Amino acid sequence: MDRNTTTNAHISVIIPVYNEVAVINNTIAHVREIAGSEPLEIIVSDGGPGHETLKSITDHSIIKVDAPPGRGRQLNAGAALARGKILLFLHADTRLPHGAFQDIRRTVQATNGAGAFSLSINSPRLSLAVVAWFANMRTRLERIPYGDQAQFIGADHFRTLGGFAEIPLMEDVEFFKRIRHEGLPITILRSRVSTSSRRWDEEGVLRRTLTNWWLRLRYAFGASPTSLVRHYRPPEND
Protein backbone atom coordinates (compact mmCIF):
# COMPACT_ATOMS: atom_id res chain seq x y z
CA MET A 1 0.00 0.00 0.00
CA ASP A 2 1.30 3.49 -0.80
CA ARG A 3 2.77 5.51 2.04
CA ASN A 4 -0.06 8.04 2.16
CA THR A 5 -2.95 5.65 1.48
CA THR A 6 -4.95 4.54 4.49
CA THR A 7 -8.34 3.09 5.26
CA ASN A 8 -8.69 5.98 7.75
CA ALA A 9 -8.03 8.71 5.19
CA HIS A 10 -8.64 12.21 6.42
CA ILE A 11 -8.98 13.59 2.88
CA SER A 12 -10.57 11.92 -0.14
CA VAL A 13 -9.34 13.20 -3.50
CA ILE A 14 -11.98 12.73 -6.20
CA ILE A 15 -10.77 13.08 -9.79
CA PRO A 16 -13.42 13.14 -12.56
CA VAL A 17 -11.99 12.05 -15.90
CA TYR A 18 -13.05 11.82 -19.52
CA ASN A 19 -10.45 10.45 -21.94
CA GLU A 20 -7.50 11.31 -19.66
CA VAL A 21 -5.32 8.27 -20.43
CA ALA A 22 -2.38 10.52 -21.30
CA VAL A 23 -2.26 12.33 -17.95
CA ILE A 24 -3.98 10.31 -15.22
CA ASN A 25 -0.93 8.45 -13.89
CA ASN A 26 1.04 11.69 -13.72
CA THR A 27 -1.85 13.31 -11.85
CA ILE A 28 -1.97 10.47 -9.32
CA ALA A 29 1.79 10.60 -8.79
CA HIS A 30 1.57 14.39 -8.33
CA VAL A 31 -1.16 14.04 -5.69
CA ARG A 32 0.91 11.52 -3.74
CA GLU A 33 4.00 13.71 -3.93
CA ILE A 34 2.16 16.79 -2.67
CA ALA A 35 0.41 14.80 0.08
CA GLY A 36 3.63 13.46 1.57
CA SER A 37 2.62 11.71 4.80
CA GLU A 38 -0.91 13.18 4.81
CA PRO A 39 -3.37 10.26 4.94
CA LEU A 40 -5.65 10.24 1.93
CA GLU A 41 -7.48 8.13 -0.59
CA ILE A 42 -7.71 8.79 -4.32
CA ILE A 43 -10.89 8.07 -6.25
CA VAL A 44 -10.98 8.29 -10.04
CA SER A 45 -14.46 8.59 -11.52
CA ASP A 46 -14.48 7.88 -15.24
CA GLY A 47 -17.33 9.04 -17.47
CA GLY A 48 -15.54 8.39 -20.74
CA PRO A 49 -16.53 5.85 -23.38
CA GLY A 50 -15.28 2.40 -22.41
CA HIS A 51 -13.77 3.81 -19.20
CA GLU A 52 -10.35 3.62 -20.85
CA THR A 53 -8.79 5.99 -18.32
CA LEU A 54 -9.51 3.56 -15.48
CA LYS A 55 -7.90 0.74 -17.42
CA SER A 56 -4.69 2.76 -17.83
CA ILE A 57 -4.16 3.40 -14.09
CA THR A 58 -1.08 1.62 -12.74
CA ASP A 59 -1.56 2.46 -9.03
CA HIS A 60 -3.48 -0.49 -7.60
CA SER A 61 -4.62 1.38 -4.49
CA ILE A 62 -6.80 3.79 -6.51
CA ILE A 63 -10.55 3.46 -6.05
CA LYS A 64 -12.03 3.24 -9.54
CA VAL A 65 -15.58 4.29 -10.38
CA ASP A 66 -17.39 3.56 -13.64
CA ALA A 67 -19.62 6.62 -13.78
CA PRO A 68 -22.14 7.94 -16.28
CA PRO A 69 -20.89 10.92 -18.32
CA GLY A 70 -21.33 14.36 -16.87
CA ARG A 71 -18.97 15.94 -14.35
CA GLY A 72 -21.64 16.40 -11.67
CA ARG A 73 -22.60 12.74 -11.90
CA GLN A 74 -18.98 11.65 -11.85
CA LEU A 75 -18.19 13.76 -8.79
CA ASN A 76 -21.22 12.44 -6.93
CA ALA A 77 -20.40 8.84 -7.85
CA GLY A 78 -16.89 9.30 -6.51
CA ALA A 79 -18.06 11.06 -3.35
CA ALA A 80 -20.50 8.22 -2.63
CA LEU A 81 -17.50 5.92 -2.05
CA ALA A 82 -15.36 8.43 -0.17
CA ARG A 83 -14.40 7.66 3.42
CA GLY A 84 -12.50 10.86 4.16
CA LYS A 85 -13.76 13.61 6.44
CA ILE A 86 -12.86 16.16 3.77
CA LEU A 87 -13.55 15.91 0.04
CA LEU A 88 -11.21 17.49 -2.51
CA PHE A 89 -12.46 17.65 -6.09
CA LEU A 90 -9.49 17.81 -8.45
CA HIS A 91 -9.48 18.08 -12.24
CA ALA A 92 -6.98 15.77 -13.93
CA ASP A 93 -5.18 18.69 -15.60
CA THR A 94 -4.80 20.74 -12.41
CA ARG A 95 -1.73 20.66 -10.17
CA LEU A 96 -1.78 21.46 -6.48
CA PRO A 97 0.66 23.76 -4.66
CA HIS A 98 3.06 22.45 -2.03
CA GLY A 99 1.38 22.21 1.36
CA ALA A 100 -2.06 21.95 -0.25
CA PHE A 101 -3.36 19.14 1.94
CA GLN A 102 -2.22 20.75 5.16
CA ASP A 103 -3.87 24.02 4.04
CA ILE A 104 -7.12 22.23 3.20
CA ARG A 105 -7.22 20.37 6.51
CA ARG A 106 -6.46 23.47 8.58
CA THR A 107 -9.02 25.55 6.68
CA VAL A 108 -11.88 23.08 7.09
CA GLN A 109 -11.06 22.46 10.73
CA ALA A 110 -10.88 26.20 11.47
CA THR A 111 -13.96 27.35 9.53
CA ASN A 112 -16.15 24.23 9.24
CA GLY A 113 -16.85 25.39 5.70
CA ALA A 114 -15.68 25.01 2.13
CA GLY A 115 -13.07 26.52 -0.11
CA ALA A 116 -10.76 26.43 -3.09
CA PHE A 117 -7.37 27.69 -4.21
CA SER A 118 -6.47 30.74 -6.20
CA LEU A 119 -5.87 30.09 -9.90
CA SER A 120 -2.86 30.14 -12.15
CA ILE A 121 -2.69 28.86 -15.73
CA ASN A 122 0.31 26.81 -16.80
CA SER A 123 1.50 29.01 -19.64
CA PRO A 124 4.15 31.70 -20.20
CA ARG A 125 1.60 33.82 -22.10
CA LEU A 126 0.89 37.18 -20.51
CA SER A 127 -2.69 37.05 -21.76
CA LEU A 128 -3.39 33.95 -19.67
CA ALA A 129 -1.80 35.53 -16.61
CA VAL A 130 -4.32 38.35 -17.07
CA VAL A 131 -7.17 35.82 -17.42
CA ALA A 132 -6.10 34.17 -14.15
CA TRP A 133 -5.84 37.56 -12.41
CA PHE A 134 -9.42 38.48 -13.36
CA ALA A 135 -10.63 35.01 -12.35
CA ASN A 136 -9.07 35.43 -8.92
CA MET A 137 -10.57 38.88 -8.46
CA ARG A 138 -14.01 37.55 -9.38
CA THR A 139 -13.64 34.57 -7.05
CA ARG A 140 -12.65 36.74 -4.10
CA LEU A 141 -15.59 39.08 -4.66
CA GLU A 142 -18.24 36.42 -5.28
CA ARG A 143 -16.83 33.54 -3.17
CA ILE A 144 -17.80 31.18 -6.00
CA PRO A 145 -14.72 29.37 -7.35
CA TYR A 146 -14.66 27.22 -10.45
CA GLY A 147 -13.92 23.52 -10.44
CA ASP A 148 -10.41 23.97 -11.82
CA GLN A 149 -9.53 25.77 -8.57
CA ALA A 150 -9.67 22.46 -6.65
CA GLN A 151 -12.82 22.89 -4.58
CA PHE A 152 -12.99 21.26 -1.14
CA ILE A 153 -15.59 20.80 1.61
CA GLY A 154 -16.26 18.73 4.70
CA ALA A 155 -17.87 15.42 3.74
CA ASP A 156 -20.77 15.92 6.15
CA HIS A 157 -21.66 19.27 4.64
CA PHE A 158 -21.37 17.84 1.13
CA ARG A 159 -23.89 15.12 1.92
CA THR A 160 -26.24 17.46 3.78
CA LEU A 161 -26.30 19.73 0.72
CA GLY A 162 -27.08 16.77 -1.55
CA GLY A 163 -23.86 16.92 -3.55
CA PHE A 164 -23.47 18.42 -6.99
CA ALA A 165 -26.44 19.07 -9.23
CA GLU A 166 -26.36 16.55 -12.07
CA ILE A 167 -26.53 19.18 -14.78
CA PRO A 168 -24.43 19.24 -17.98
CA LEU A 169 -22.60 22.48 -17.13
CA MET A 170 -22.05 24.89 -14.22
CA GLU A 171 -22.25 22.17 -11.55
CA ASP A 172 -19.30 23.81 -9.77
CA VAL A 173 -20.90 27.26 -9.76
CA GLU A 174 -24.31 25.93 -8.73
CA PHE A 175 -22.81 23.98 -5.83
CA PHE A 176 -20.94 26.92 -4.37
CA LYS A 177 -23.97 29.16 -4.78
CA ARG A 178 -25.83 26.71 -2.55
CA ILE A 179 -22.96 26.67 -0.08
CA ARG A 180 -23.03 30.48 0.06
CA HIS A 181 -26.83 30.52 0.39
CA GLU A 182 -26.57 28.18 3.39
CA GLY A 183 -24.23 30.63 5.06
CA LEU A 184 -21.24 28.31 5.22
CA PRO A 185 -17.84 30.03 5.25
CA ILE A 186 -16.04 29.93 1.88
CA THR A 187 -12.27 30.38 1.96
CA ILE A 188 -10.24 31.21 -1.14
CA LEU A 189 -6.67 30.26 -0.29
CA ARG A 190 -3.84 32.51 -1.41
CA SER A 191 -1.77 29.58 -2.67
CA ARG A 192 -2.42 28.77 -6.31
CA VAL A 193 -3.22 25.68 -8.27
CA SER A 194 -1.84 25.46 -11.78
CA THR A 195 -4.30 24.38 -14.43
CA SER A 196 -3.58 23.38 -18.01
CA SER A 197 -3.82 25.98 -20.75
CA ARG A 198 -5.00 23.40 -23.30
CA ARG A 199 -8.51 24.77 -23.73
CA TRP A 200 -7.22 28.29 -24.46
CA ASP A 201 -4.47 26.87 -26.69
CA GLU A 202 -6.98 24.91 -28.75
CA GLU A 203 -9.66 27.57 -29.09
CA GLY A 204 -7.68 30.80 -28.77
CA VAL A 205 -7.36 32.94 -25.66
CA LEU A 206 -9.82 35.66 -26.67
CA ARG A 207 -12.48 33.27 -27.98
CA ARG A 208 -12.30 30.94 -24.97
CA THR A 209 -12.29 33.75 -22.44
CA LEU A 210 -15.21 35.60 -24.02
CA THR A 211 -17.16 32.34 -24.31
CA ASN A 212 -16.57 31.60 -20.62
CA TRP A 213 -17.77 35.06 -19.59
CA TRP A 214 -20.79 34.86 -21.90
CA LEU A 215 -21.79 31.45 -20.53
CA ARG A 216 -21.46 32.61 -16.95
CA LEU A 217 -23.47 35.76 -17.63
CA ARG A 218 -26.24 33.83 -19.36
CA TYR A 219 -26.35 31.35 -16.48
CA ALA A 220 -26.57 34.20 -13.96
CA PHE A 221 -29.58 35.55 -15.86
CA GLY A 222 -31.37 32.21 -15.79
CA ALA A 223 -30.28 30.27 -18.88
CA SER A 224 -30.41 26.53 -18.30
CA PRO A 225 -27.18 24.49 -18.33
CA THR A 226 -28.76 22.27 -20.98
CA SER A 227 -29.07 25.20 -23.36
CA LEU A 228 -25.52 26.39 -22.59
CA VAL A 229 -23.64 23.13 -22.91
CA ARG A 230 -23.57 23.12 -26.73
CA HIS A 231 -21.19 26.08 -26.50
CA TYR A 232 -18.79 24.31 -24.16
CA ARG A 233 -17.23 21.23 -25.70
CA PRO A 234 -14.49 19.33 -23.86
CA PRO A 235 -11.08 19.25 -25.51
CA GLU A 236 -9.87 15.97 -26.97
CA ASN A 237 -8.50 14.62 -23.70
CA ASP A 238 -10.57 16.52 -21.14
C-alpha atoms as a PDB file:
ATOM      1  CA  MET A   1       0.000   0.000   0.000  1.00  0.00           C
ATOM      2  CA  ASP A   2       1.303   3.492  -0.797  1.00  0.00           C
ATOM      3  CA  ARG A   3       2.774   5.510   2.037  1.00  0.00           C
ATOM      4  CA  ASN A   4      -0.060   8.039   2.156  1.00  0.00           C
ATOM      5  CA  THR A   5      -2.954   5.655   1.476  1.00  0.00           C
ATOM      6  CA  THR A   6      -4.953   4.537   4.486  1.00  0.00           C
ATOM      7  CA  THR A   7      -8.341   3.093   5.260  1.00  0.00           C
ATOM      8  CA  ASN A   8      -8.695   5.984   7.752  1.00  0.00           C
ATOM      9  CA  ALA A   9      -8.032   8.705   5.193  1.00  0.00           C
ATOM     10  CA  HIS A  10      -8.638  12.212   6.416  1.00  0.00           C
ATOM     11  CA  ILE A  11      -8.976  13.591   2.881  1.00  0.00           C
ATOM     12  CA  SER A  12     -10.569  11.921  -0.136  1.00  0.00           C
ATOM     13  CA  VAL A  13      -9.345  13.200  -3.501  1.00  0.00           C
ATOM     14  CA  ILE A  14     -11.977  12.731  -6.200  1.00  0.00           C
ATOM     15  CA  ILE A  15     -10.765  13.080  -9.790  1.00  0.00           C
ATOM     16  CA  PRO A  16     -13.417  13.136 -12.556  1.00  0.00           C
ATOM     17  CA  VAL A  17     -11.988  12.046 -15.897  1.00  0.00           C
ATOM     18  CA  TYR A  18     -13.053  11.822 -19.519  1.00  0.00           C
ATOM     19  CA  ASN A  19     -10.448  10.453 -21.936  1.00  0.00           C
ATOM     20  CA  GLU A  20      -7.503  11.307 -19.663  1.00  0.00           C
ATOM     21  CA  VAL A  21      -5.320   8.267 -20.432  1.00  0.00           C
ATOM     22  CA  ALA A  22      -2.382  10.524 -21.299  1.00  0.00           C
ATOM     23  CA  VAL A  23      -2.258  12.327 -17.948  1.00  0.00           C
ATOM     24  CA  ILE A  24      -3.979  10.309 -15.223  1.00  0.00           C
ATOM     25  CA  ASN A  25      -0.932   8.453 -13.890  1.00  0.00           C
ATOM     26  CA  ASN A  26       1.038  11.692 -13.719  1.00  0.00           C
ATOM     27  CA  THR A  27      -1.848  13.309 -11.848  1.00  0.00           C
ATOM     28  CA  ILE A  28      -1.975  10.472  -9.316  1.00  0.00           C
ATOM     29  CA  ALA A  29       1.795  10.603  -8.786  1.00  0.00           C
ATOM     30  CA  HIS A  30       1.570  14.385  -8.332  1.00  0.00           C
ATOM     31  CA  VAL A  31      -1.163  14.038  -5.690  1.00  0.00           C
ATOM     32  CA  ARG A  32       0.905  11.523  -3.737  1.00  0.00           C
ATOM     33  CA  GLU A  33       3.997  13.706  -3.925  1.00  0.00           C
ATOM     34  CA  ILE A  34       2.161  16.793  -2.672  1.00  0.00           C
ATOM     35  CA  ALA A  35       0.407  14.802   0.080  1.00  0.00           C
ATOM     36  CA  GLY A  36       3.628  13.456   1.572  1.00  0.00           C
ATOM     37  CA  SER A  37       2.615  11.711   4.801  1.00  0.00           C
ATOM     38  CA  GLU A  38      -0.905  13.185   4.805  1.00  0.00           C
ATOM     39  CA  PRO A  39      -3.367  10.255   4.944  1.00  0.00           C
ATOM     40  CA  LEU A  40      -5.645  10.242   1.928  1.00  0.00           C
ATOM     41  CA  GLU A  41      -7.484   8.135  -0.592  1.00  0.00           C
ATOM     42  CA  ILE A  42      -7.709   8.793  -4.322  1.00  0.00           C
ATOM     43  CA  ILE A  43     -10.892   8.067  -6.247  1.00  0.00           C
ATOM     44  CA  VAL A  44     -10.977   8.293 -10.044  1.00  0.00           C
ATOM     45  CA  SER A  45     -14.456   8.593 -11.519  1.00  0.00           C
ATOM     46  CA  ASP A  46     -14.477   7.882 -15.244  1.00  0.00           C
ATOM     47  CA  GLY A  47     -17.326   9.044 -17.470  1.00  0.00           C
ATOM     48  CA  GLY A  48     -15.539   8.388 -20.739  1.00  0.00           C
ATOM     49  CA  PRO A  49     -16.533   5.846 -23.380  1.00  0.00           C
ATOM     50  CA  GLY A  50     -15.281   2.401 -22.414  1.00  0.00           C
ATOM     51  CA  HIS A  51     -13.766   3.814 -19.196  1.00  0.00           C
ATOM     52  CA  GLU A  52     -10.346   3.622 -20.850  1.00  0.00           C
ATOM     53  CA  THR A  53      -8.787   5.988 -18.317  1.00  0.00           C
ATOM     54  CA  LEU A  54      -9.507   3.561 -15.479  1.00  0.00           C
ATOM     55  CA  LYS A  55      -7.896   0.737 -17.418  1.00  0.00           C
ATOM     56  CA  SER A  56      -4.694   2.758 -17.826  1.00  0.00           C
ATOM     57  CA  ILE A  57      -4.163   3.402 -14.088  1.00  0.00           C
ATOM     58  CA  THR A  58      -1.084   1.620 -12.742  1.00  0.00           C
ATOM     59  CA  ASP A  59      -1.556   2.463  -9.033  1.00  0.00           C
ATOM     60  CA  HIS A  60      -3.480  -0.491  -7.600  1.00  0.00           C
ATOM     61  CA  SER A  61      -4.622   1.384  -4.492  1.00  0.00           C
ATOM     62  CA  ILE A  62      -6.803   3.791  -6.511  1.00  0.00           C
ATOM     63  CA  ILE A  63     -10.553   3.456  -6.051  1.00  0.00           C
ATOM     64  CA  LYS A  64     -12.025   3.242  -9.544  1.00  0.00           C
ATOM     65  CA  VAL A  65     -15.575   4.287 -10.384  1.00  0.00           C
ATOM     66  CA  ASP A  66     -17.394   3.558 -13.642  1.00  0.00           C
ATOM     67  CA  ALA A  67     -19.620   6.621 -13.784  1.00  0.00           C
ATOM     68  CA  PRO A  68     -22.138   7.937 -16.280  1.00  0.00           C
ATOM     69  CA  PRO A  69     -20.885  10.916 -18.319  1.00  0.00           C
ATOM     70  CA  GLY A  70     -21.327  14.362 -16.867  1.00  0.00           C
ATOM     71  CA  ARG A  71     -18.968  15.937 -14.347  1.00  0.00           C
ATOM     72  CA  GLY A  72     -21.644  16.404 -11.673  1.00  0.00           C
ATOM     73  CA  ARG A  73     -22.604  12.736 -11.896  1.00  0.00           C
ATOM     74  CA  GLN A  74     -18.976  11.647 -11.853  1.00  0.00           C
ATOM     75  CA  LEU A  75     -18.193  13.759  -8.793  1.00  0.00           C
ATOM     76  CA  ASN A  76     -21.218  12.443  -6.930  1.00  0.00           C
ATOM     77  CA  ALA A  77     -20.404   8.845  -7.848  1.00  0.00           C
ATOM     78  CA  GLY A  78     -16.885   9.303  -6.508  1.00  0.00           C
ATOM     79  CA  ALA A  79     -18.058  11.058  -3.346  1.00  0.00           C
ATOM     80  CA  ALA A  80     -20.496   8.219  -2.633  1.00  0.00           C
ATOM     81  CA  LEU A  81     -17.503   5.920  -2.052  1.00  0.00           C
ATOM     82  CA  ALA A  82     -15.364   8.430  -0.172  1.00  0.00           C
ATOM     83  CA  ARG A  83     -14.395   7.661   3.419  1.00  0.00           C
ATOM     84  CA  GLY A  84     -12.502  10.860   4.158  1.00  0.00           C
ATOM     85  CA  LYS A  85     -13.761  13.610   6.442  1.00  0.00           C
ATOM     86  CA  ILE A  86     -12.862  16.163   3.772  1.00  0.00           C
ATOM     87  CA  LEU A  87     -13.550  15.907   0.040  1.00  0.00           C
ATOM     88  CA  LEU A  88     -11.209  17.494  -2.506  1.00  0.00           C
ATOM     89  CA  PHE A  89     -12.460  17.651  -6.095  1.00  0.00           C
ATOM     90  CA  LEU A  90      -9.491  17.811  -8.446  1.00  0.00           C
ATOM     91  CA  HIS A  91      -9.479  18.077 -12.240  1.00  0.00           C
ATOM     92  CA  ALA A  92      -6.977  15.774 -13.926  1.00  0.00           C
ATOM     93  CA  ASP A  93      -5.180  18.690 -15.603  1.00  0.00           C
ATOM     94  CA  THR A  94      -4.805  20.745 -12.412  1.00  0.00           C
ATOM     95  CA  ARG A  95      -1.727  20.658 -10.173  1.00  0.00           C
ATOM     96  CA  LEU A  96      -1.776  21.458  -6.481  1.00  0.00           C
ATOM     97  CA  PRO A  97       0.657  23.759  -4.662  1.00  0.00           C
ATOM     98  CA  HIS A  98       3.056  22.452  -2.030  1.00  0.00           C
ATOM     99  CA  GLY A  99       1.380  22.210   1.362  1.00  0.00           C
ATOM    100  CA  ALA A 100      -2.065  21.945  -0.253  1.00  0.00           C
ATOM    101  CA  PHE A 101      -3.363  19.141   1.944  1.00  0.00           C
ATOM    102  CA  GLN A 102      -2.224  20.754   5.157  1.00  0.00           C
ATOM    103  CA  ASP A 103      -3.870  24.016   4.043  1.00  0.00           C
ATOM    104  CA  ILE A 104      -7.121  22.227   3.204  1.00  0.00           C
ATOM    105  CA  ARG A 105      -7.216  20.365   6.507  1.00  0.00           C
ATOM    106  CA  ARG A 106      -6.462  23.469   8.580  1.00  0.00           C
ATOM    107  CA  THR A 107      -9.025  25.554   6.681  1.00  0.00           C
ATOM    108  CA  VAL A 108     -11.882  23.085   7.087  1.00  0.00           C
ATOM    109  CA  GLN A 109     -11.061  22.464  10.730  1.00  0.00           C
ATOM    110  CA  ALA A 110     -10.882  26.202  11.470  1.00  0.00           C
ATOM    111  CA  THR A 111     -13.963  27.347   9.532  1.00  0.00           C
ATOM    112  CA  ASN A 112     -16.150  24.230   9.239  1.00  0.00           C
ATOM    113  CA  GLY A 113     -16.849  25.392   5.705  1.00  0.00           C
ATOM    114  CA  ALA A 114     -15.676  25.006   2.131  1.00  0.00           C
ATOM    115  CA  GLY A 115     -13.067  26.525  -0.109  1.00  0.00           C
ATOM    116  CA  ALA A 116     -10.757  26.428  -3.090  1.00  0.00           C
ATOM    117  CA  PHE A 117      -7.367  27.687  -4.210  1.00  0.00           C
ATOM    118  CA  SER A 118      -6.472  30.743  -6.197  1.00  0.00           C
ATOM    119  CA  LEU A 119      -5.873  30.092  -9.897  1.00  0.00           C
ATOM    120  CA  SER A 120      -2.859  30.139 -12.152  1.00  0.00           C
ATOM    121  CA  ILE A 121      -2.694  28.862 -15.726  1.00  0.00           C
ATOM    122  CA  ASN A 122       0.308  26.808 -16.800  1.00  0.00           C
ATOM    123  CA  SER A 123       1.503  29.007 -19.640  1.00  0.00           C
ATOM    124  CA  PRO A 124       4.146  31.702 -20.195  1.00  0.00           C
ATOM    125  CA  ARG A 125       1.600  33.818 -22.100  1.00  0.00           C
ATOM    126  CA  LEU A 126       0.888  37.184 -20.512  1.00  0.00           C
ATOM    127  CA  SER A 127      -2.691  37.052 -21.762  1.00  0.00           C
ATOM    128  CA  LEU A 128      -3.386  33.948 -19.673  1.00  0.00           C
ATOM    129  CA  ALA A 129      -1.800  35.528 -16.611  1.00  0.00           C
ATOM    130  CA  VAL A 130      -4.324  38.347 -17.072  1.00  0.00           C
ATOM    131  CA  VAL A 131      -7.167  35.822 -17.421  1.00  0.00           C
ATOM    132  CA  ALA A 132      -6.102  34.174 -14.147  1.00  0.00           C
ATOM    133  CA  TRP A 133      -5.843  37.559 -12.413  1.00  0.00           C
ATOM    134  CA  PHE A 134      -9.416  38.478 -13.359  1.00  0.00           C
ATOM    135  CA  ALA A 135     -10.626  35.010 -12.350  1.00  0.00           C
ATOM    136  CA  ASN A 136      -9.067  35.425  -8.924  1.00  0.00           C
ATOM    137  CA  MET A 137     -10.568  38.879  -8.463  1.00  0.00           C
ATOM    138  CA  ARG A 138     -14.006  37.547  -9.375  1.00  0.00           C
ATOM    139  CA  THR A 139     -13.636  34.574  -7.045  1.00  0.00           C
ATOM    140  CA  ARG A 140     -12.655  36.742  -4.097  1.00  0.00           C
ATOM    141  CA  LEU A 141     -15.591  39.081  -4.664  1.00  0.00           C
ATOM    142  CA  GLU A 142     -18.241  36.417  -5.278  1.00  0.00           C
ATOM    143  CA  ARG A 143     -16.834  33.538  -3.168  1.00  0.00           C
ATOM    144  CA  ILE A 144     -17.802  31.180  -6.005  1.00  0.00           C
ATOM    145  CA  PRO A 145     -14.716  29.369  -7.347  1.00  0.00           C
ATOM    146  CA  TYR A 146     -14.665  27.219 -10.454  1.00  0.00           C
ATOM    147  CA  GLY A 147     -13.921  23.516 -10.444  1.00  0.00           C
ATOM    148  CA  ASP A 148     -10.406  23.968 -11.817  1.00  0.00           C
ATOM    149  CA  GLN A 149      -9.535  25.770  -8.566  1.00  0.00           C
ATOM    150  CA  ALA A 150      -9.666  22.457  -6.650  1.00  0.00           C
ATOM    151  CA  GLN A 151     -12.819  22.894  -4.576  1.00  0.00           C
ATOM    152  CA  PHE A 152     -12.993  21.259  -1.137  1.00  0.00           C
ATOM    153  CA  ILE A 153     -15.585  20.803   1.605  1.00  0.00           C
ATOM    154  CA  GLY A 154     -16.258  18.726   4.698  1.00  0.00           C
ATOM    155  CA  ALA A 155     -17.866  15.423   3.744  1.00  0.00           C
ATOM    156  CA  ASP A 156     -20.774  15.919   6.154  1.00  0.00           C
ATOM    157  CA  HIS A 157     -21.663  19.272   4.636  1.00  0.00           C
ATOM    158  CA  PHE A 158     -21.372  17.839   1.129  1.00  0.00           C
ATOM    159  CA  ARG A 159     -23.894  15.120   1.921  1.00  0.00           C
ATOM    160  CA  THR A 160     -26.240  17.459   3.778  1.00  0.00           C
ATOM    161  CA  LEU A 161     -26.298  19.727   0.723  1.00  0.00           C
ATOM    162  CA  GLY A 162     -27.076  16.775  -1.545  1.00  0.00           C
ATOM    163  CA  GLY A 163     -23.861  16.920  -3.551  1.00  0.00           C
ATOM    164  CA  PHE A 164     -23.470  18.416  -6.993  1.00  0.00           C
ATOM    165  CA  ALA A 165     -26.442  19.065  -9.228  1.00  0.00           C
ATOM    166  CA  GLU A 166     -26.365  16.549 -12.071  1.00  0.00           C
ATOM    167  CA  ILE A 167     -26.528  19.177 -14.778  1.00  0.00           C
ATOM    168  CA  PRO A 168     -24.432  19.241 -17.980  1.00  0.00           C
ATOM    169  CA  LEU A 169     -22.597  22.476 -17.130  1.00  0.00           C
ATOM    170  CA  MET A 170     -22.050  24.887 -14.217  1.00  0.00           C
ATOM    171  CA  GLU A 171     -22.254  22.172 -11.548  1.00  0.00           C
ATOM    172  CA  ASP A 172     -19.303  23.806  -9.770  1.00  0.00           C
ATOM    173  CA  VAL A 173     -20.900  27.256  -9.762  1.00  0.00           C
ATOM    174  CA  GLU A 174     -24.306  25.930  -8.732  1.00  0.00           C
ATOM    175  CA  PHE A 175     -22.815  23.977  -5.831  1.00  0.00           C
ATOM    176  CA  PHE A 176     -20.943  26.921  -4.369  1.00  0.00           C
ATOM    177  CA  LYS A 177     -23.975  29.160  -4.784  1.00  0.00           C
ATOM    178  CA  ARG A 178     -25.835  26.708  -2.546  1.00  0.00           C
ATOM    179  CA  ILE A 179     -22.965  26.674  -0.076  1.00  0.00           C
ATOM    180  CA  ARG A 180     -23.028  30.480   0.057  1.00  0.00           C
ATOM    181  CA  HIS A 181     -26.832  30.516   0.387  1.00  0.00           C
ATOM    182  CA  GLU A 182     -26.574  28.179   3.391  1.00  0.00           C
ATOM    183  CA  GLY A 183     -24.229  30.628   5.061  1.00  0.00           C
ATOM    184  CA  LEU A 184     -21.237  28.306   5.218  1.00  0.00           C
ATOM    185  CA  PRO A 185     -17.841  30.035   5.246  1.00  0.00           C
ATOM    186  CA  ILE A 186     -16.041  29.930   1.882  1.00  0.00           C
ATOM    187  CA  THR A 187     -12.270  30.379   1.962  1.00  0.00           C
ATOM    188  CA  ILE A 188     -10.237  31.210  -1.137  1.00  0.00           C
ATOM    189  CA  LEU A 189      -6.673  30.256  -0.291  1.00  0.00           C
ATOM    190  CA  ARG A 190      -3.835  32.512  -1.410  1.00  0.00           C
ATOM    191  CA  SER A 191      -1.773  29.580  -2.671  1.00  0.00           C
ATOM    192  CA  ARG A 192      -2.420  28.766  -6.314  1.00  0.00           C
ATOM    193  CA  VAL A 193      -3.220  25.683  -8.268  1.00  0.00           C
ATOM    194  CA  SER A 194      -1.836  25.458 -11.783  1.00  0.00           C
ATOM    195  CA  THR A 195      -4.299  24.383 -14.426  1.00  0.00           C
ATOM    196  CA  SER A 196      -3.581  23.381 -18.012  1.00  0.00           C
ATOM    197  CA  SER A 197      -3.821  25.980 -20.752  1.00  0.00           C
ATOM    198  CA  ARG A 198      -4.998  23.397 -23.297  1.00  0.00           C
ATOM    199  CA  ARG A 199      -8.513  24.772 -23.732  1.00  0.00           C
ATOM    200  CA  TRP A 200      -7.219  28.287 -24.462  1.00  0.00           C
ATOM    201  CA  ASP A 201      -4.467  26.872 -26.685  1.00  0.00           C
ATOM    202  CA  GLU A 202      -6.981  24.906 -28.753  1.00  0.00           C
ATOM    203  CA  GLU A 203      -9.662  27.569 -29.092  1.00  0.00           C
ATOM    204  CA  GLY A 204      -7.677  30.797 -28.766  1.00  0.00           C
ATOM    205  CA  VAL A 205      -7.358  32.942 -25.655  1.00  0.00           C
ATOM    206  CA  LEU A 206      -9.817  35.656 -26.668  1.00  0.00           C
ATOM    207  CA  ARG A 207     -12.480  33.270 -27.979  1.00  0.00           C
ATOM    208  CA  ARG A 208     -12.305  30.941 -24.972  1.00  0.00           C
ATOM    209  CA  THR A 209     -12.291  33.754 -22.443  1.00  0.00           C
ATOM    210  CA  LEU A 210     -15.213  35.603 -24.019  1.00  0.00           C
ATOM    211  CA  THR A 211     -17.162  32.340 -24.306  1.00  0.00           C
ATOM    212  CA  ASN A 212     -16.571  31.604 -20.618  1.00  0.00           C
ATOM    213  CA  TRP A 213     -17.772  35.061 -19.594  1.00  0.00           C
ATOM    214  CA  TRP A 214     -20.786  34.857 -21.899  1.00  0.00           C
ATOM    215  CA  LEU A 215     -21.794  31.453 -20.533  1.00  0.00           C
ATOM    216  CA  ARG A 216     -21.455  32.607 -16.946  1.00  0.00           C
ATOM    217  CA  LEU A 217     -23.469  35.763 -17.633  1.00  0.00           C
ATOM    218  CA  ARG A 218     -26.242  33.828 -19.357  1.00  0.00           C
ATOM    219  CA  TYR A 219     -26.352  31.352 -16.480  1.00  0.00           C
ATOM    220  CA  ALA A 220     -26.571  34.204 -13.965  1.00  0.00           C
ATOM    221  CA  PHE A 221     -29.584  35.549 -15.856  1.00  0.00           C
ATOM    222  CA  GLY A 222     -31.370  32.212 -15.788  1.00  0.00           C
ATOM    223  CA  ALA A 223     -30.285  30.266 -18.885  1.00  0.00           C
ATOM    224  CA  SER A 224     -30.405  26.527 -18.299  1.00  0.00           C
ATOM    225  CA  PRO A 225     -27.179  24.491 -18.325  1.00  0.00           C
ATOM    226  CA  THR A 226     -28.756  22.269 -20.984  1.00  0.00           C
ATOM    227  CA  SER A 227     -29.068  25.203 -23.365  1.00  0.00           C
ATOM    228  CA  LEU A 228     -25.520  26.389 -22.590  1.00  0.00           C
ATOM    229  CA  VAL A 229     -23.640  23.130 -22.913  1.00  0.00           C
ATOM    230  CA  ARG A 230     -23.571  23.124 -26.730  1.00  0.00           C
ATOM    231  CA  HIS A 231     -21.189  26.076 -26.505  1.00  0.00           C
ATOM    232  CA  TYR A 232     -18.787  24.305 -24.158  1.00  0.00           C
ATOM    233  CA  ARG A 233     -17.233  21.230 -25.698  1.00  0.00           C
ATOM    234  CA  PRO A 234     -14.493  19.334 -23.865  1.00  0.00           C
ATOM    235  CA  PRO A 235     -11.078  19.252 -25.507  1.00  0.00           C
ATOM    236  CA  GLU A 236      -9.869  15.972 -26.974  1.00  0.00           C
ATOM    237  CA  ASN A 237      -8.498  14.625 -23.705  1.00  0.00           C
ATOM    238  CA  ASP A 238     -10.573  16.516 -21.145  1.00  0.00           C
END
